[in-house]
Amino acid sequence: MANTHLRFTPARPNPSLRRSLLPLSTMSPSSATKSDDVDLPSSSLEILGARRSLLSRFVSLQTPYKPFPVLAWNRHIETIFASFYRSLPVVKLRRECLRTKDDGAVALDWVSGDETQIPFDSPVLILLPGLTGGSGDTYVRHMLLRARNKGWRVVVFNSRGCADSPVTMPKFYSASFTDDLCEVVSHVSTRYPKSKLYAVGWSLGANILVRYLGQESHNCVLSGAVSLCNPFNLPIADEDFHKGFNNIYDLALARSLCKIFKKHALLFEGIGGEYNIPMAANARSVRDFDEGLTRVTFGFKSVDDYYYNSSSSRSIKDVSIPLLCIQAENDPIAPSRGIPRQDIEENPNCLLIVTPQGGHLGWVAGHAAPFGCPWTDPVVMEFLEHLHNQGDEKTRSAEYHSDELCGINQSSDSSIIVHIQ
C-alpha cells in the first residue's frame, strides 16, 4: 500500500519551528517531552502527550469512561455489535467525482445544501473511513452529523472503489498511498480558501492520514487532525490478524476487497508483471489480496516489505500539526502494543488517549450507548473546536495589533507607508 512515485522530502525542521498544541512562548526544553499532569474522573484512561492537561477542560471527559454493560465484557462482541447494530443517521449527500493526476478518480460526498446554507469561511472537516469503508458507514455518519450540527462543513473522502467510488484505471489504494489525499486536500483548500481544514481518519484511513501528516510536515495545509483505531504498526497488526477469532475479521475484509475488485476486474485483464490476479480475486485473507495485487501495484518486493514501509508509526515523529490519537487497549485489529507511545510523547504536537475497552471502531460507551454515536465523537469534536477557537483568537489578536500599528504609523507621519504581511 505505498506510494511508488518519488517525492522530495526535505530535512526535518527544528522542533521549535513546528506548529504545536502549546503556544511557542510557553515551550520549554522539557515541555516537548514531558506531559503535564491531568486530573480527570476517567482515571482508567491512558493519556500521553505534551499537552494532556488541556483535556481537563473537555466536558466530554468529566465523567468516567463507562462501557455499556454486557456488550463491553468482550472486545469481539463490542466490535460486532457496533458494526451491525449502531444506528445510521439519515443524511442527504451530494457526490463530487474528482479526477486525479494519474487518471484515477475518487468520490467526495458533501452534505447536500451546505454550499448555500453554511458560511463560505466555515471550517471544513475531511473524513477518511477505514478499509473498504465509505460515507455509508455508521461511525462516519455520526461524526459527520455532529460536526455539521456545530456549523462545520463536512466532506467524506471515499477511496477508489469504496462506496461506489469510480475506478477508471487498474489501481486501487493502499495503506500509505497519500497522493489521492494530497489532491483532495488541495482541491478542498482551493474551493474554500478562507476556511481552515481539519481531518479525521479511522483504521486504515487513520494510517493514511498520519502518513500524509508526516510526509507533508513542512507544507501541511491542515490545521489539526484526529486518528482513531489506527493500526500504526502493520507487521504487528498482520501478525495478530491471523490469531483466533481475528480470522473472522480477516475473511470478512478479504471478501469486501474481492467484491470491489470483481466489479472492476476487466481493468486488470491481461495485466502482466508480478500480479497474481486469481489470488487477489479469490483472496481468503487481506494478506493474500495484498500479495496478489496491492504490493505489486505500489512497487513493493514483498507483503512484509509493504507492511513495514506503510506503517504510520514511522511518521509520528514528523507530524508538525496538532494530532489527537485515540485507541482502545483491547482493539483486536489495531493492537495496543503497536502504538508508538514514545514517539507520540516526544512530539509536542501529538496527544494520545487509550481507553480500556472499545474493540475496533466500537466504543459502545457514554450517554449515547448502545445504539448512538461512539464515545469518541464528543471528545474528537471538543478537540477540533479547541484548535479552531484557539486559531481564531490568534488571528483576531494579530489583526488587532496590525490595526493598532497601522494607526500609530499613520498618526505619527502620514508620509510613512507600512506594509504588514
Protein backbone atom coordinates (compact mmCIF):
# COMPACT_ATOMS: atom_id res chain seq x y z
CA MET A 1 0.00 0.00 0.00
CA ALA A 2 2.78 2.52 -0.53
CA ASN A 3 3.49 5.26 -2.94
CA THR A 4 5.85 4.37 -5.77
CA HIS A 5 6.18 7.91 -7.04
CA LEU A 6 9.39 9.61 -5.93
CA ARG A 7 8.76 12.53 -3.62
CA PHE A 8 11.30 15.04 -2.32
CA THR A 9 11.40 15.08 1.46
CA PRO A 10 13.38 17.95 2.96
CA ALA A 11 15.32 17.61 6.19
CA ARG A 12 13.28 17.54 9.37
CA PRO A 13 12.63 21.04 10.74
CA ASN A 14 13.83 22.30 14.05
CA PRO A 15 11.16 21.30 16.64
CA SER A 16 11.00 24.89 17.88
CA LEU A 17 9.70 25.99 14.48
CA ARG A 18 6.85 23.49 14.38
CA ARG A 19 3.23 24.32 14.97
CA SER A 20 2.32 22.93 18.34
CA LEU A 21 -0.55 22.41 20.75
CA LEU A 22 1.44 24.71 23.06
CA PRO A 23 1.99 28.41 22.31
CA LEU A 24 5.64 28.95 21.41
CA SER A 25 6.01 31.38 24.31
CA THR A 26 5.30 28.59 26.79
CA MET A 27 7.51 25.95 25.20
CA SER A 28 10.49 24.81 27.16
CA PRO A 29 13.03 22.05 26.55
CA SER A 30 11.18 19.79 28.98
CA SER A 31 7.65 20.57 27.79
CA ALA A 32 8.26 18.91 24.45
CA THR A 33 8.95 15.55 26.05
CA LYS A 34 7.28 15.62 29.46
CA SER A 35 3.47 15.65 29.82
CA ASP A 36 1.62 17.88 32.24
CA ASP A 37 -0.46 16.21 34.95
CA VAL A 38 -4.16 15.92 34.23
CA ASP A 39 -6.94 15.40 36.74
CA LEU A 40 -9.84 13.55 35.12
CA PRO A 41 -12.60 11.38 36.54
CA SER A 42 -11.76 8.90 33.77
CA SER A 43 -8.75 7.56 35.64
CA SER A 44 -8.92 4.35 33.60
CA LEU A 45 -7.77 6.24 30.50
CA GLU A 46 -4.13 6.15 29.46
CA ILE A 47 -3.15 9.68 28.39
CA LEU A 48 0.19 10.70 26.90
CA GLY A 49 1.39 13.88 25.24
CA ALA A 50 2.90 17.29 25.77
CA ARG A 51 -0.44 18.99 26.37
CA ARG A 52 -2.59 16.38 28.07
CA SER A 53 -3.62 18.97 30.67
CA LEU A 54 -5.92 20.66 28.12
CA LEU A 55 -8.17 17.58 28.32
CA SER A 56 -9.24 18.62 31.81
CA ARG A 57 -11.30 21.38 30.12
CA PHE A 58 -13.28 18.95 27.97
CA VAL A 59 -16.86 18.44 29.16
CA SER A 60 -16.91 15.02 27.49
CA LEU A 61 -14.16 13.80 29.83
CA GLN A 62 -15.70 15.00 33.09
CA THR A 63 -17.46 11.67 33.64
CA PRO A 64 -15.67 8.32 33.96
CA TYR A 65 -15.35 6.07 30.92
CA LYS A 66 -18.16 3.55 31.38
CA PRO A 67 -18.61 0.93 28.66
CA PHE A 68 -22.14 -0.31 28.11
CA PRO A 69 -22.87 -3.34 30.33
CA VAL A 70 -22.99 -6.80 28.74
CA LEU A 71 -21.53 -5.64 25.40
CA ALA A 72 -18.13 -4.41 26.59
CA TRP A 73 -17.08 -7.52 28.50
CA ASN A 74 -15.75 -8.96 25.24
CA ARG A 75 -13.89 -6.97 22.58
CA HIS A 76 -15.33 -9.02 19.73
CA ILE A 77 -18.92 -8.61 20.90
CA GLU A 78 -18.44 -4.83 21.15
CA THR A 79 -16.82 -4.65 17.71
CA ILE A 80 -19.51 -6.75 16.01
CA PHE A 81 -22.41 -5.03 17.82
CA ALA A 82 -21.18 -1.59 16.74
CA SER A 83 -20.72 -2.78 13.15
CA PHE A 84 -24.20 -4.30 12.79
CA TYR A 85 -26.47 -2.53 15.28
CA ARG A 86 -25.27 1.05 15.65
CA SER A 87 -27.85 3.48 14.26
CA LEU A 88 -27.32 5.01 10.82
CA PRO A 89 -28.18 8.73 10.72
CA VAL A 90 -30.06 9.80 7.59
CA VAL A 91 -28.08 12.46 5.73
CA LYS A 92 -28.60 13.62 2.15
CA LEU A 93 -25.24 13.71 0.38
CA ARG A 94 -24.10 15.33 -2.84
CA ARG A 95 -21.37 13.43 -4.70
CA GLU A 96 -18.45 15.03 -6.49
CA CYS A 97 -16.09 12.84 -8.52
CA LEU A 98 -12.55 14.15 -8.56
CA ARG A 99 -10.21 13.11 -11.37
CA THR A 100 -6.66 12.55 -10.09
CA LYS A 101 -3.39 13.36 -11.83
CA ASP A 102 -2.72 9.71 -12.68
CA ASP A 103 -6.10 9.50 -14.44
CA GLY A 104 -7.76 7.78 -11.49
CA ALA A 105 -10.82 9.03 -9.60
CA VAL A 106 -12.14 9.39 -6.06
CA ALA A 107 -15.58 10.34 -4.77
CA LEU A 108 -16.18 13.22 -2.37
CA ASP A 109 -19.53 13.20 -0.56
CA TRP A 110 -20.67 16.60 0.73
CA VAL A 111 -23.78 17.30 2.81
CA SER A 112 -26.45 18.36 0.34
CA GLY A 113 -27.39 22.04 0.63
CA ASP A 114 -24.33 23.08 2.63
CA GLU A 115 -22.96 25.04 -0.33
CA THR A 116 -25.66 27.65 0.35
CA GLN A 117 -26.58 27.08 4.00
CA ILE A 118 -23.14 27.30 5.63
CA PRO A 119 -20.96 30.44 5.58
CA PHE A 120 -18.21 30.29 2.97
CA ASP A 121 -15.44 30.61 5.57
CA SER A 122 -16.72 27.89 7.94
CA PRO A 123 -14.16 25.24 8.97
CA VAL A 124 -14.05 22.16 6.75
CA LEU A 125 -13.71 18.62 8.12
CA ILE A 126 -12.43 15.84 5.83
CA LEU A 127 -13.38 12.30 6.90
CA LEU A 128 -11.32 9.23 5.93
CA PRO A 129 -13.13 5.89 6.52
CA GLY A 130 -11.41 2.55 7.15
CA LEU A 131 -10.54 -0.26 4.73
CA THR A 132 -13.36 -0.70 2.15
CA GLY A 133 -15.42 1.83 4.16
CA GLY A 134 -17.20 4.95 2.99
CA SER A 135 -19.84 7.58 3.62
CA GLY A 136 -22.48 4.93 4.31
CA ASP A 137 -20.76 3.61 7.45
CA THR A 138 -22.40 4.35 10.79
CA TYR A 139 -19.30 5.74 12.54
CA VAL A 140 -18.70 8.11 9.59
CA ARG A 141 -22.31 9.32 9.54
CA HIS A 142 -22.37 10.03 13.29
CA MET A 143 -19.18 12.10 13.11
CA LEU A 144 -20.45 13.88 10.02
CA LEU A 145 -23.72 14.79 11.71
CA ARG A 146 -22.06 16.02 14.90
CA ALA A 147 -19.66 18.30 13.03
CA ARG A 148 -22.43 19.52 10.73
CA ASN A 149 -24.61 20.42 13.74
CA LYS A 150 -21.72 22.53 15.04
CA GLY A 151 -21.75 24.57 11.83
CA TRP A 152 -18.81 22.82 10.18
CA ARG A 153 -18.70 21.91 6.51
CA VAL A 154 -18.04 18.16 6.14
CA VAL A 155 -16.84 16.03 3.24
CA VAL A 156 -16.23 12.27 3.15
CA PHE A 157 -13.25 11.12 1.10
CA ASN A 158 -14.20 7.75 -0.43
CA SER A 159 -11.10 5.99 -1.75
CA ARG A 160 -11.04 4.35 -5.18
CA GLY A 161 -13.71 1.67 -5.41
CA CYS A 162 -15.15 2.36 -1.94
CA ALA A 163 -18.80 3.44 -1.52
CA ASP A 164 -19.18 3.00 -5.29
CA SER A 165 -16.39 5.47 -5.96
CA PRO A 166 -15.42 5.10 -9.65
CA VAL A 167 -12.37 3.08 -10.67
CA THR A 168 -11.02 4.28 -14.02
CA MET A 169 -7.64 2.51 -14.14
CA PRO A 170 -6.03 -0.69 -12.80
CA LYS A 171 -5.06 0.86 -9.48
CA PHE A 172 -6.88 0.98 -6.15
CA TYR A 173 -5.40 2.45 -2.95
CA SER A 174 -3.16 1.33 -0.11
CA ALA A 175 -2.09 1.94 3.50
CA SER A 176 0.41 4.61 2.58
CA PHE A 177 -0.75 5.84 -0.82
CA THR A 178 -1.17 9.52 0.04
CA ASP A 179 -1.31 11.02 -3.46
CA ASP A 180 -5.11 10.96 -3.56
CA LEU A 181 -5.36 12.60 -0.13
CA CYS A 182 -2.88 15.28 -1.23
CA GLU A 183 -5.10 16.08 -4.20
CA VAL A 184 -8.28 16.06 -2.12
CA VAL A 185 -6.82 18.46 0.46
CA SER A 186 -5.55 20.74 -2.33
CA HIS A 187 -8.93 20.65 -4.06
CA VAL A 188 -10.87 21.46 -0.88
CA SER A 189 -8.49 24.25 0.16
CA THR A 190 -8.75 25.81 -3.31
CA ARG A 191 -12.55 25.67 -3.20
CA TYR A 192 -12.69 27.18 0.29
CA PRO A 193 -9.58 29.37 0.52
CA LYS A 194 -10.85 31.27 3.60
CA SER A 195 -11.63 28.14 5.60
CA LYS A 196 -9.41 26.18 7.95
CA LEU A 197 -9.16 22.49 7.14
CA TYR A 198 -9.16 19.57 9.57
CA ALA A 199 -9.29 15.78 9.11
CA VAL A 200 -10.42 12.67 10.98
CA GLY A 201 -9.39 9.16 9.95
CA TRP A 202 -10.43 5.71 11.17
CA SER A 203 -8.42 2.48 10.99
CA LEU A 204 -6.71 2.29 7.57
CA GLY A 205 -7.93 5.85 6.88
CA ALA A 206 -6.13 6.92 10.07
CA ASN A 207 -2.94 5.22 8.91
CA ILE A 208 -3.12 7.04 5.56
CA LEU A 209 -3.85 10.34 7.32
CA VAL A 210 -0.89 10.09 9.70
CA ARG A 211 1.37 9.05 6.84
CA TYR A 212 0.21 12.17 4.99
CA LEU A 213 0.88 14.40 8.02
CA GLY A 214 4.43 13.09 8.32
CA GLN A 215 5.09 13.34 4.61
CA GLU A 216 3.75 16.90 4.36
CA SER A 217 5.46 18.01 7.57
CA HIS A 218 6.78 21.25 6.06
CA ASN A 219 3.76 22.09 3.90
CA CYS A 220 0.72 20.67 5.67
CA VAL A 221 -2.43 22.64 4.85
CA LEU A 222 -4.47 21.06 7.66
CA SER A 223 -4.82 22.91 10.96
CA GLY A 224 -5.42 19.78 13.02
CA ALA A 225 -6.23 16.08 12.76
CA VAL A 226 -7.56 13.08 14.68
CA SER A 227 -6.54 9.43 14.28
CA LEU A 228 -8.89 6.70 15.55
CA CYS A 229 -8.24 2.93 15.80
CA ASN A 230 -5.03 3.34 13.82
CA PRO A 231 -3.20 0.02 13.29
CA PHE A 232 0.06 2.09 13.32
CA ASN A 233 2.45 -0.89 13.12
CA LEU A 234 1.19 -3.02 10.22
CA PRO A 235 3.55 -6.02 10.75
CA ILE A 236 2.22 -6.34 14.32
CA ALA A 237 -1.38 -5.87 13.15
CA ASP A 238 -0.87 -8.51 10.45
CA GLU A 239 0.58 -10.92 13.00
CA ASP A 240 -2.48 -10.58 15.26
CA PHE A 241 -4.86 -10.77 12.31
CA HIS A 242 -4.19 -14.50 11.99
CA LYS A 243 -4.91 -15.40 15.61
CA GLY A 244 -8.12 -16.99 16.88
CA PHE A 245 -11.35 -15.09 16.26
CA ASN A 246 -9.47 -12.40 14.33
CA ASN A 247 -9.54 -14.75 11.35
CA ILE A 248 -13.25 -13.89 11.02
CA TYR A 249 -12.43 -10.19 10.53
CA ASP A 250 -9.65 -11.10 8.11
CA LEU A 251 -12.02 -13.20 5.98
CA ALA A 252 -14.77 -10.54 6.06
CA LEU A 253 -12.42 -7.76 4.93
CA ALA A 254 -10.91 -10.01 2.25
CA ARG A 255 -14.39 -10.69 0.86
CA SER A 256 -15.12 -6.95 0.79
CA LEU A 257 -11.88 -6.33 -1.11
CA CYS A 258 -12.69 -9.13 -3.56
CA LYS A 259 -16.16 -7.69 -4.12
CA ILE A 260 -14.70 -4.30 -5.03
CA PHE A 261 -12.06 -5.94 -7.24
CA LYS A 262 -14.53 -8.11 -9.17
CA LYS A 263 -16.60 -5.04 -10.06
CA HIS A 264 -13.59 -3.69 -11.94
CA ALA A 265 -11.81 -6.92 -12.91
CA LEU A 266 -11.89 -6.05 -16.63
CA LEU A 267 -9.45 -3.20 -15.99
CA PHE A 268 -6.86 -5.77 -14.90
CA GLU A 269 -7.45 -8.19 -17.79
CA GLY A 270 -4.18 -9.16 -19.45
CA ILE A 271 -2.05 -7.22 -16.98
CA GLY A 272 1.46 -8.69 -16.74
CA GLY A 273 4.34 -8.47 -14.31
CA GLU A 274 4.19 -9.97 -10.83
CA TYR A 275 0.42 -9.62 -10.46
CA ASN A 276 -1.44 -12.73 -9.30
CA ILE A 277 -4.98 -11.84 -10.31
CA PRO A 278 -6.57 -15.21 -9.37
CA MET A 279 -5.10 -14.89 -5.86
CA ALA A 280 -6.49 -11.36 -5.46
CA ALA A 281 -9.89 -12.24 -6.93
CA ASN A 282 -10.34 -15.21 -4.59
CA ALA A 283 -8.43 -13.97 -1.54
CA ARG A 284 -9.33 -15.58 1.78
CA SER A 285 -7.24 -13.08 3.73
CA VAL A 286 -6.19 -9.44 3.41
CA ARG A 287 -2.61 -10.65 3.14
CA ASP A 288 -3.49 -12.77 0.09
CA PHE A 289 -5.13 -9.77 -1.59
CA ASP A 290 -2.10 -7.61 -0.82
CA GLU A 291 0.25 -10.28 -2.17
CA GLY A 292 -1.69 -10.75 -5.40
CA LEU A 293 -2.43 -7.09 -6.12
CA THR A 294 -1.62 -4.28 -3.68
CA ARG A 295 2.09 -4.75 -3.07
CA VAL A 296 2.70 -5.20 -6.83
CA THR A 297 0.68 -2.10 -7.76
CA PHE A 298 2.68 0.07 -5.38
CA GLY A 299 6.11 -1.38 -6.11
CA PHE A 300 7.00 -3.49 -3.07
CA LYS A 301 9.11 -6.62 -3.31
CA SER A 302 7.04 -8.49 -0.71
CA VAL A 303 3.99 -8.12 1.53
CA ASP A 304 6.24 -7.77 4.59
CA ASP A 305 8.18 -5.01 2.86
CA TYR A 306 4.87 -3.32 2.05
CA TYR A 307 3.55 -3.54 5.63
CA TYR A 308 6.79 -2.32 7.20
CA ASN A 309 7.18 0.70 4.93
CA SER A 310 3.48 1.61 5.08
CA SER A 311 3.24 1.77 8.88
CA SER A 312 2.21 5.20 10.15
CA SER A 313 4.17 4.59 13.36
CA ARG A 314 7.19 5.62 11.28
CA SER A 315 5.59 9.01 10.56
CA ILE A 316 4.61 10.23 14.05
CA LYS A 317 7.96 11.90 14.71
CA ASP A 318 7.48 14.13 11.64
CA VAL A 319 3.93 15.33 12.41
CA SER A 320 4.01 19.11 12.72
CA ILE A 321 0.33 19.98 13.35
CA PRO A 322 -1.86 19.17 16.39
CA LEU A 323 -2.82 15.48 16.26
CA LEU A 324 -5.07 13.57 18.66
CA CYS A 325 -4.80 9.77 18.58
CA ILE A 326 -7.49 7.67 20.29
CA GLN A 327 -7.03 3.91 20.61
CA ALA A 328 -8.69 1.06 22.53
CA GLU A 329 -6.45 -1.11 24.69
CA ASN A 330 -8.39 -4.23 23.63
CA ASP A 331 -8.64 -3.44 19.90
CA PRO A 332 -8.35 -6.77 18.06
CA ILE A 333 -7.33 -5.20 14.73
CA ALA A 334 -5.13 -2.31 15.91
CA PRO A 335 -3.06 -3.90 18.73
CA SER A 336 -2.14 -1.72 21.66
CA ARG A 337 1.46 -2.91 21.59
CA GLY A 338 1.80 -1.38 18.13
CA ILE A 339 1.08 2.18 19.35
CA PRO A 340 4.26 4.33 19.03
CA ARG A 341 3.90 5.69 22.57
CA GLN A 342 7.41 7.07 22.90
CA ASP A 343 7.31 8.96 19.60
CA ILE A 344 3.89 10.39 20.49
CA GLU A 345 5.13 11.53 23.88
CA GLU A 346 8.27 13.10 22.43
CA ASN A 347 6.42 15.04 19.71
CA PRO A 348 4.92 18.24 21.22
CA ASN A 349 2.18 18.20 18.59
CA CYS A 350 0.75 14.80 19.49
CA LEU A 351 -1.69 13.62 22.15
CA LEU A 352 -2.77 10.04 22.88
CA ILE A 353 -5.83 8.66 24.68
CA VAL A 354 -6.13 4.89 25.19
CA THR A 355 -9.45 3.56 26.53
CA PRO A 356 -9.54 0.25 28.47
CA GLN A 357 -12.32 -1.14 26.25
CA GLY A 358 -13.77 -0.22 22.87
CA GLY A 359 -12.89 -3.01 20.46
CA HIS A 360 -12.32 -1.88 16.88
CA LEU A 361 -14.48 1.07 15.79
CA GLY A 362 -16.73 0.22 18.72
CA TRP A 363 -16.51 2.42 21.83
CA VAL A 364 -20.04 1.48 22.89
CA ALA A 365 -19.93 3.78 25.92
CA GLY A 366 -21.22 7.16 27.09
CA HIS A 367 -24.68 8.68 27.15
CA ALA A 368 -25.48 7.66 23.55
CA ALA A 369 -24.74 3.94 24.08
CA PRO A 370 -25.56 1.39 22.88
CA PHE A 371 -27.11 2.46 19.55
CA GLY A 372 -25.90 6.05 19.27
CA CYS A 373 -22.56 7.63 18.38
CA PRO A 374 -19.25 6.18 19.59
CA TRP A 375 -17.87 7.50 22.90
CA THR A 376 -15.07 9.18 20.92
CA ASP A 377 -17.24 11.60 18.93
CA PRO A 378 -17.74 14.29 21.62
CA VAL A 379 -14.03 14.14 22.53
CA VAL A 380 -12.99 14.50 18.88
CA MET A 381 -15.30 17.46 18.34
CA GLU A 382 -14.16 19.25 21.50
CA PHE A 383 -10.54 18.81 20.42
CA LEU A 384 -11.21 20.20 16.95
CA GLU A 385 -13.25 23.12 18.28
CA HIS A 386 -10.48 23.91 20.76
CA LEU A 387 -7.95 24.06 17.92
CA HIS A 388 -10.25 26.16 15.76
CA ASN A 389 -11.15 28.62 18.52
CA GLN A 390 -7.51 28.90 19.55
CA GLY A 391 -6.60 29.71 15.95
CA ASP A 392 -9.37 32.32 15.69
CA GLU A 393 -8.14 34.03 18.85
CA LYS A 394 -4.62 34.24 17.42
CA THR A 395 -5.97 35.62 14.14
CA ARG A 396 -8.08 38.25 15.90
CA SER A 397 -5.14 39.21 18.08
CA ALA A 398 -2.86 39.57 15.04
CA GLU A 399 -5.47 41.69 13.26
CA TYR A 400 -5.88 43.91 16.33
CA HIS A 401 -2.13 44.52 16.65
CA SER A 402 -1.86 45.13 12.91
CA ASP A 403 -4.63 47.74 13.02
CA GLU A 404 -3.05 49.33 16.09
CA LEU A 405 0.36 49.50 14.42
CA CYS A 406 -1.14 51.00 11.25
CA GLY A 407 -2.92 53.63 13.35
CA ILE A 408 0.24 54.60 15.19
CA ASN A 409 2.23 54.95 11.99
CA GLN A 410 -0.45 56.99 10.27
CA SER A 411 -0.81 59.44 13.14
CA SER A 412 2.90 60.00 13.61
CA ASP A 413 3.82 60.58 9.98
CA SER A 414 1.35 60.46 7.11
CA SER A 415 4.18 60.06 4.60
CA ILE A 416 5.21 56.67 6.00
CA ILE A 417 3.56 53.61 4.42
CA VAL A 418 3.76 50.42 6.47
CA HIS A 419 3.23 47.07 4.73
CA ILE A 420 2.25 44.35 7.19
CA GLN A 421 2.37 40.76 5.94
